Amino acid sequence: MPMIWVNGSLADPAEAAVSVLDHGLTVGDGVFETLKAVDGRAFAVTRHLDRLARSAAGLGLPEPDQDLVRRACDEVLRAQPMPLGRLRITYTGGLSPLGSDRGDAPPTLVVALGPASPRPATTAAVTVEWTRNEHSAVAGLKTTSYAENVVALAHAHRRGASEALFANTAGMLCEGTGSNVFVVLGGRLLTPPLTSGCLAGVTRALVAEWLGAEEADLPLSVLQEADEILLTSTLRDVQAVHRVDGRDLPGAPGPVAAKAMAVFAERSADDVDP
């Protein structure tokens, strides 16, 4: 049975609990990180915890105790080793009054682990009519307010795709519900800049460093012109897109995607905390 770490101790799922008045539940006042765990070891812990701290600061939450979070992750991973897992860290505003005001209680910290499945080399994606607001107060923060992503991802699933892709309010390519997007144009590997409103993905950053990708403002229409399209995320690693909306990309993964997948697999295996 999986064990869940809640505010200082491990508990089984039937007993692990937070208050129904937790601000993360009532108004989505929280941040989170998802880490890939392979054979009981979490990948890129330092980068994920640094982003957790940035997201918390962006919401005005107290700075997380990174040593405590690391200890919680280690305890959960030891309690239930598995070949491939999804390690989830959730950090919220804690017990608070109903409404947007926070209370005086300390933040809530939860760490949980669940099984994950290897992703196929290619997938289908669709674009959606809804937009990311690059001017939002929470743009670029990994918050627990994910209802927009739930709606968009369900839309994608109904159309036989595993991801939904957003433009921002300026009509520029931004990101997926849980992934960053790269395109190949004329042999160049390009990805939207953080100013587009996209999340600063950990896998995105590593792919950019290891493959020499460039940031560029890209119209959403680039998805109908690109030679290759790639998605990156914690559990996708690097995944090629073989269809976007009604456009097929035969031969996916193409040469750039294949190289990115191979480089990422090799370098991530060599260094668990790059």
Protein backbone atom coordinates (compact mmCIF):
# COMPACT_ATOMS: atom_id res chain seq x y z
CA MET A 1 0.00 0.00 0.00
CA PRO A 2 1.40 3.45 -0.89
CA MET A 3 2.38 5.69 2.00
CA ILE A 4 1.73 9.44 1.97
CA TRP A 5 3.77 11.99 3.90
CA VAL A 6 1.53 14.66 5.47
CA ASN A 7 2.89 17.45 7.65
CA GLY A 8 5.68 15.47 9.24
CA SER A 9 4.74 11.81 9.17
CA LEU A 10 3.90 8.91 6.91
CA ALA A 11 0.37 7.55 6.79
CA ASP A 12 -1.54 5.12 4.62
CA PRO A 13 -4.06 6.67 2.20
CA ALA A 14 -7.04 5.79 4.41
CA GLU A 15 -5.61 7.87 7.25
CA ALA A 16 -3.66 10.60 5.44
CA ALA A 17 -5.74 13.77 5.64
CA VAL A 18 -5.73 17.55 5.51
CA SER A 19 -8.49 19.86 6.68
CA VAL A 20 -11.46 20.53 4.43
CA LEU A 21 -10.69 24.19 5.17
CA ASP A 22 -7.17 23.96 3.74
CA HIS A 23 -6.65 26.93 1.42
CA GLY A 24 -5.30 24.61 -1.26
CA LEU A 25 -8.69 22.90 -1.37
CA THR A 26 -11.01 25.87 -0.95
CA VAL A 27 -9.38 28.34 -3.35
CA GLY A 28 -6.45 26.52 -4.97
CA ASP A 29 -3.90 28.48 -2.93
CA GLY A 30 -0.96 26.15 -3.35
CA VAL A 31 1.95 25.09 -5.51
CA PHE A 32 3.26 21.69 -6.49
CA GLU A 33 5.97 19.74 -8.24
CA THR A 34 5.90 16.39 -10.00
CA LEU A 35 9.15 14.42 -10.14
CA LYS A 36 10.01 11.27 -12.01
CA ALA A 37 11.22 8.49 -9.72
CA VAL A 38 13.17 5.57 -11.19
CA ASP A 39 13.95 2.59 -8.96
CA GLY A 40 13.42 4.66 -5.84
CA ARG A 41 15.46 7.69 -6.94
CA ALA A 42 13.86 11.00 -7.87
CA PHE A 43 15.23 12.89 -10.89
CA ALA A 44 16.36 16.53 -10.86
CA VAL A 45 15.36 17.12 -7.23
CA THR A 46 17.33 20.34 -6.86
CA ARG A 47 15.80 21.96 -9.94
CA HIS A 48 12.29 20.94 -8.87
CA LEU A 49 12.73 22.23 -5.31
CA ASP A 50 14.13 25.51 -6.60
CA ARG A 51 11.05 25.93 -8.78
CA LEU A 52 8.79 24.99 -5.86
CA ALA A 53 10.39 27.82 -3.89
CA ARG A 54 9.95 30.27 -6.80
CA SER A 55 6.30 29.33 -7.20
CA ALA A 56 5.69 29.65 -3.45
CA ALA A 57 7.31 33.10 -3.44
CA GLY A 58 5.16 34.10 -6.39
CA LEU A 59 2.03 33.25 -4.39
CA GLY A 60 3.37 34.91 -1.24
CA LEU A 61 3.63 31.62 0.65
CA PRO A 62 6.44 31.11 3.19
CA GLU A 63 9.60 29.65 1.72
CA PRO A 64 9.46 25.84 1.86
CA ASP A 65 12.06 24.11 4.03
CA GLN A 66 13.94 22.30 1.27
CA ASP A 67 15.71 19.95 3.69
CA LEU A 68 12.34 18.92 5.08
CA VAL A 69 10.91 18.39 1.60
CA ARG A 70 13.90 16.26 0.62
CA ARG A 71 13.50 14.17 3.75
CA ALA A 72 9.80 13.68 3.05
CA CYS A 73 10.55 12.60 -0.53
CA ASP A 74 13.18 10.14 0.67
CA GLU A 75 10.83 8.61 3.23
CA VAL A 76 8.05 8.15 0.69
CA LEU A 77 10.41 6.63 -1.87
CA ARG A 78 11.85 4.21 0.69
CA ALA A 79 8.38 3.19 1.82
CA GLN A 80 7.32 2.13 -1.67
CA PRO A 81 10.09 1.51 -4.20
CA MET A 82 8.84 1.03 -7.75
CA PRO A 83 10.45 0.90 -11.22
CA LEU A 84 8.82 4.11 -12.43
CA GLY A 85 6.84 6.46 -10.25
CA ARG A 86 5.23 9.90 -10.11
CA LEU A 87 6.38 11.72 -6.98
CA ARG A 88 4.10 14.63 -6.14
CA ILE A 89 4.98 17.45 -3.73
CA THR A 90 2.07 19.73 -2.75
CA TYR A 91 2.55 22.86 -0.65
CA THR A 92 -0.49 24.98 0.26
CA GLY A 93 -1.60 27.98 2.30
CA GLY A 94 -2.82 25.67 5.06
CA LEU A 95 -5.87 25.99 7.28
CA SER A 96 -7.58 29.30 6.44
CA PRO A 97 -10.93 31.08 6.66
CA LEU A 98 -13.38 30.54 3.83
CA GLY A 99 -12.56 33.01 1.07
CA SER A 100 -9.34 34.34 -0.40
CA ASP A 101 -7.75 35.62 2.82
CA ARG A 102 -5.17 33.33 4.39
CA GLY A 103 -5.22 32.37 8.04
CA ASP A 104 -2.35 32.22 10.51
CA ALA A 105 -1.81 28.46 10.33
CA PRO A 106 1.42 27.08 8.86
CA PRO A 107 1.48 25.78 5.29
CA THR A 108 0.47 22.23 4.48
CA LEU A 109 3.08 19.92 2.96
CA VAL A 110 2.11 16.62 1.33
CA VAL A 111 4.33 14.19 -0.57
CA ALA A 112 2.78 11.22 -2.37
CA LEU A 113 3.98 8.59 -4.83
CA GLY A 114 2.06 6.72 -7.48
CA PRO A 115 2.99 4.40 -10.34
CA ALA A 116 3.70 5.78 -13.80
CA SER A 117 3.89 4.15 -17.22
CA PRO A 118 6.55 4.76 -19.87
CA ARG A 119 5.27 7.09 -22.56
CA PRO A 120 5.26 6.06 -26.24
CA ALA A 121 7.81 7.68 -28.53
CA THR A 122 5.12 9.70 -30.33
CA THR A 123 1.72 11.14 -29.55
CA ALA A 124 -1.08 13.28 -30.95
CA ALA A 125 -1.91 16.82 -29.81
CA VAL A 126 -4.67 19.33 -30.48
CA THR A 127 -4.85 23.09 -30.15
CA VAL A 128 -7.60 24.66 -28.07
CA GLU A 129 -9.53 27.90 -28.35
CA TRP A 130 -8.77 28.96 -24.77
CA THR A 131 -5.67 31.06 -24.13
CA ARG A 132 -2.96 31.37 -21.52
CA ASN A 133 -2.80 34.85 -19.98
CA GLU A 134 0.85 35.79 -20.07
CA HIS A 135 0.01 38.88 -18.00
CA SER A 136 -1.65 36.93 -15.16
CA ALA A 137 -0.47 37.35 -11.57
CA VAL A 138 0.31 33.63 -11.56
CA ALA A 139 1.81 33.31 -15.05
CA GLY A 140 4.74 30.94 -14.95
CA LEU A 141 3.92 29.62 -11.47
CA LYS A 142 3.16 25.93 -10.94
CA THR A 143 0.02 26.36 -8.86
CA THR A 144 -2.59 23.81 -7.83
CA SER A 145 -5.28 25.78 -9.70
CA TYR A 146 -5.41 23.33 -12.60
CA ALA A 147 -9.09 23.37 -13.56
CA GLU A 148 -8.32 25.03 -16.90
CA ASN A 149 -5.91 22.22 -17.70
CA VAL A 150 -8.44 19.57 -16.68
CA VAL A 151 -10.99 20.99 -19.12
CA ALA A 152 -8.47 21.32 -21.96
CA LEU A 153 -7.00 17.86 -21.45
CA ALA A 154 -10.44 16.26 -21.45
CA HIS A 155 -11.10 18.09 -24.73
CA ALA A 156 -7.90 16.58 -26.15
CA HIS A 157 -8.77 13.07 -25.00
CA ARG A 158 -12.16 13.28 -26.71
CA ARG A 159 -10.27 13.97 -29.93
CA GLY A 160 -7.85 11.09 -29.57
CA ALA A 161 -4.93 13.19 -28.37
CA SER A 162 -2.84 13.11 -25.20
CA GLU A 163 -2.16 16.84 -24.96
CA ALA A 164 -3.85 20.17 -25.59
CA LEU A 165 -1.75 23.13 -26.74
CA PHE A 166 -2.46 26.75 -25.87
CA ALA A 167 -1.70 30.06 -27.49
CA ASN A 168 -1.37 33.12 -25.26
CA THR A 169 -3.50 36.25 -25.50
CA ALA A 170 -1.26 37.57 -28.31
CA GLY A 171 -1.88 34.44 -30.40
CA MET A 172 1.63 33.11 -29.85
CA LEU A 173 2.41 29.46 -29.11
CA CYS A 174 2.70 28.99 -25.34
CA GLU A 175 2.55 25.47 -23.84
CA GLY A 176 0.50 22.35 -23.22
CA THR A 177 -1.60 21.49 -20.18
CA GLY A 178 1.39 19.74 -18.63
CA SER A 179 4.18 20.10 -21.15
CA ASN A 180 6.42 22.53 -22.96
CA VAL A 181 6.54 22.65 -26.75
CA PHE A 182 9.49 22.67 -29.14
CA VAL A 183 9.38 22.94 -32.93
CA VAL A 184 11.99 22.30 -35.60
CA LEU A 185 12.19 24.87 -38.39
CA GLY A 186 14.96 24.67 -40.94
CA GLY A 187 16.98 22.44 -38.66
CA ARG A 188 16.72 24.84 -35.69
CA LEU A 189 15.16 23.63 -32.44
CA LEU A 190 12.95 26.43 -31.08
CA THR A 191 10.73 26.86 -28.03
CA PRO A 192 8.54 29.74 -26.79
CA PRO A 193 10.24 32.12 -24.32
CA LEU A 194 9.11 32.32 -20.70
CA THR A 195 7.60 35.72 -21.52
CA SER A 196 4.96 33.82 -23.52
CA GLY A 197 3.47 32.76 -20.17
CA CYS A 198 4.68 29.17 -20.28
CA LEU A 199 5.99 27.30 -17.28
CA ALA A 200 9.76 27.12 -16.87
CA GLY A 201 9.79 23.36 -17.28
CA VAL A 202 12.67 21.40 -15.79
CA THR A 203 12.81 19.09 -18.80
CA ARG A 204 12.49 22.12 -21.10
CA ALA A 205 15.56 23.69 -19.51
CA LEU A 206 17.61 20.51 -19.76
CA VAL A 207 16.68 19.95 -23.41
CA ALA A 208 17.59 23.56 -24.20
CA GLU A 209 20.96 23.15 -22.47
CA TRP A 210 21.80 19.72 -23.84
CA LEU A 211 20.51 20.21 -27.41
CA GLY A 212 21.23 23.90 -27.95
CA ALA A 213 17.61 24.96 -28.43
CA GLU A 214 16.75 28.62 -28.91
CA GLU A 215 13.87 30.67 -27.53
CA ALA A 216 11.70 32.40 -30.13
CA ASP A 217 8.28 34.04 -30.31
CA LEU A 218 6.27 31.68 -32.48
CA PRO A 219 2.73 32.12 -33.80
CA LEU A 220 0.36 29.25 -33.06
CA SER A 221 0.26 28.63 -36.81
CA VAL A 222 3.85 27.38 -36.63
CA LEU A 223 2.39 24.00 -35.68
CA GLN A 224 1.11 23.71 -39.27
CA GLU A 225 4.54 24.50 -40.73
CA ALA A 226 7.10 22.92 -38.41
CA ASP A 227 9.22 20.04 -39.67
CA GLU A 228 8.99 18.40 -36.26
CA ILE A 229 7.10 19.05 -33.02
CA LEU A 230 8.29 17.86 -29.62
CA LEU A 231 6.69 17.85 -26.17
CA THR A 232 8.75 17.81 -22.98
CA SER A 233 7.71 17.18 -19.39
CA THR A 234 8.76 15.31 -16.29
CA LEU A 235 7.05 12.06 -17.25
CA ARG A 236 7.12 12.45 -21.03
CA ASP A 237 10.84 13.28 -21.06
CA VAL A 238 11.04 14.08 -24.81
CA GLN A 239 8.13 12.93 -26.97
CA ALA A 240 7.58 13.57 -30.67
CA VAL A 241 4.18 14.62 -32.06
CA HIS A 242 2.94 12.56 -35.00
CA ARG A 243 -0.32 14.48 -35.43
CA VAL A 244 -1.50 17.93 -34.45
CA ASP A 245 -5.14 18.80 -35.13
CA GLY A 246 -5.68 17.47 -38.67
CA ARG A 247 -2.04 17.55 -39.70
CA ASP A 248 0.02 14.37 -39.78
CA LEU A 249 3.80 14.46 -39.33
CA PRO A 250 4.92 11.25 -41.06
CA GLY A 251 8.14 9.69 -39.90
CA ALA A 252 7.89 11.01 -36.34
CA PRO A 253 10.08 10.96 -34.41
CA GLY A 254 12.17 12.89 -36.91
CA PRO A 255 15.95 13.23 -36.73
CA VAL A 256 16.00 16.13 -34.25
CA ALA A 257 13.47 14.49 -31.95
CA ALA A 258 15.28 11.16 -32.12
CA LYS A 259 18.55 12.85 -31.19
CA ALA A 260 16.88 14.77 -28.35
CA MET A 261 15.34 11.59 -26.99
CA ALA A 262 18.66 9.75 -27.09
CA VAL A 263 20.66 12.59 -25.54
CA PHE A 264 18.12 13.11 -22.79
CA ALA A 265 17.98 9.40 -21.95
CA GLU A 266 21.77 9.14 -21.80
CA ARG A 267 22.47 12.29 -19.82
CA SER A 268 19.62 11.84 -17.35
CA ALA A 269 20.83 8.31 -16.66
CA ASP A 270 24.37 9.60 -16.04
CA ASP A 271 23.32 12.32 -13.59
CA VAL A 272 20.19 11.92 -11.46
CA ASP A 273 20.34 15.55 -10.25
CA PRO A 274 21.66 17.65 -13.15
